[in-house]
Structure formats: C-alpha cells, structure tokens
Protein backbone atom coordinates (compact mmCIF):
# COMPACT_ATOMS: atom_id res chain seq x y z
CA UNK A 1 -0.03 0.00 -0.02
CA UNK A 2 2.87 2.40 0.74
CA UNK A 3 4.07 2.27 -2.86
CA UNK A 4 0.56 3.00 -4.14
CA UNK A 5 0.33 6.01 -1.82
CA UNK A 6 3.73 7.31 -2.88
CA UNK A 7 2.89 6.93 -6.58
CA UNK A 8 -0.41 8.77 -6.18
CA UNK A 9 1.21 11.56 -4.16
CA UNK A 10 3.85 11.94 -6.85
CA UNK A 11 1.16 12.40 -9.48
CA UNK A 12 -0.53 15.09 -7.35
CA UNK A 13 2.68 17.11 -6.93
CA UNK A 14 2.18 18.70 -10.35
CA UNK A 15 -0.95 20.51 -9.25
CA UNK A 16 0.80 21.90 -6.21
CA UNK A 17 3.85 22.87 -8.21
CA UNK A 18 1.68 24.72 -10.68
CA UNK A 19 0.69 27.02 -7.79
CA UNK A 20 4.25 27.48 -6.61
CA UNK A 21 4.11 24.82 -3.90
CA UNK A 22 5.15 21.26 -3.37
CA UNK A 23 4.93 18.38 -0.87
CA UNK A 24 7.41 16.14 0.87
CA UNK A 25 6.48 12.73 2.28
CA UNK A 26 7.73 12.69 5.85
CA UNK A 27 6.51 9.22 6.71
CA UNK A 28 3.93 6.57 5.86
CA UNK A 29 2.98 4.28 8.74
CA UNK A 30 0.22 1.95 7.67
CA UNK A 31 -2.68 4.27 6.80
CA UNK A 32 -1.16 7.34 8.47
CA UNK A 33 0.50 9.63 5.94
CA UNK A 34 2.58 12.58 7.21
CA UNK A 35 3.36 15.31 4.68
CA UNK A 36 5.20 18.60 4.73
CA UNK A 37 3.85 21.28 2.42
CA UNK A 38 6.56 23.47 0.89
CA UNK A 39 6.89 26.65 -1.17
CA UNK A 40 3.70 28.67 -1.57
CA UNK A 41 1.69 25.86 0.08
CA UNK A 42 3.61 26.19 3.37
CA UNK A 43 1.67 28.59 5.55
CA UNK A 44 -1.10 29.16 2.97
CA UNK A 45 -4.48 29.76 4.57
CA UNK A 46 -5.92 26.99 2.39
CA UNK A 47 -3.23 24.40 3.26
CA UNK A 48 -5.47 22.43 5.65
CA UNK A 49 -8.14 22.21 2.96
CA UNK A 50 -5.55 21.06 0.43
CA UNK A 51 -4.43 18.29 2.76
CA UNK A 52 -7.85 17.09 3.96
CA UNK A 53 -10.22 17.84 1.07
CA UNK A 54 -7.73 17.29 -1.73
CA UNK A 55 -4.94 14.89 -0.85
CA UNK A 56 -6.60 12.79 1.86
CA UNK A 57 -9.94 12.51 0.01
CA UNK A 58 -8.18 11.37 -3.13
CA UNK A 59 -6.10 8.74 -1.31
CA UNK A 60 -9.13 7.44 0.54
CA UNK A 61 -11.20 7.17 -2.62
CA UNK A 62 -8.51 5.55 -4.72
CA UNK A 63 -6.48 3.47 -2.32
CA UNK A 64 -8.01 2.90 1.21
CA UNK A 65 -10.84 4.68 3.05
CA UNK A 66 -8.87 4.40 6.32
CA UNK A 67 -6.01 6.68 5.17
CA UNK A 68 -5.44 9.74 7.35
CA UNK A 69 -3.18 12.55 6.05
CA UNK A 70 -1.52 14.90 8.51
CA UNK A 71 0.53 18.00 7.75
CA UNK A 72 3.65 18.28 9.83
C-alpha cells in the first residue's frame, strides 16, 4: 500500500507545483501519511483544505478509506 500512496502523491505534486508549492512525504506508517507542504503551500491559509479535502480525500477514494493525512 505504501508504494501506491507514494505513486499517487507523486502524481498530485504537479498540481501543487503549478501554484508554486510542493509536498514532501515525511512518513507513511500503515494508513497514516505525514506530509510537509513546501513553497507557496507552506503557511497558505488553504493548506489544511488542500491536505484534507484534496490529498486525503483522493487517497481514501482511490486506495483505502482508512487513510489519514496529517501536515507536519
């Protein structure tokens, strides 16, 4: 499952990079994914929405509904 998560996150990086941001995978422990937002995404007022409504929702829908994404 970790490889599927990493592949899907890699494909999502393009949308963040288009807005001047990026993400870094800090760790994946089972269904807990810890990410660090970088660039324009770091500190953005919409960052929590990006993580929960964008990244987490996509991973849950496509890989496993138990996935939880945290920004660190």
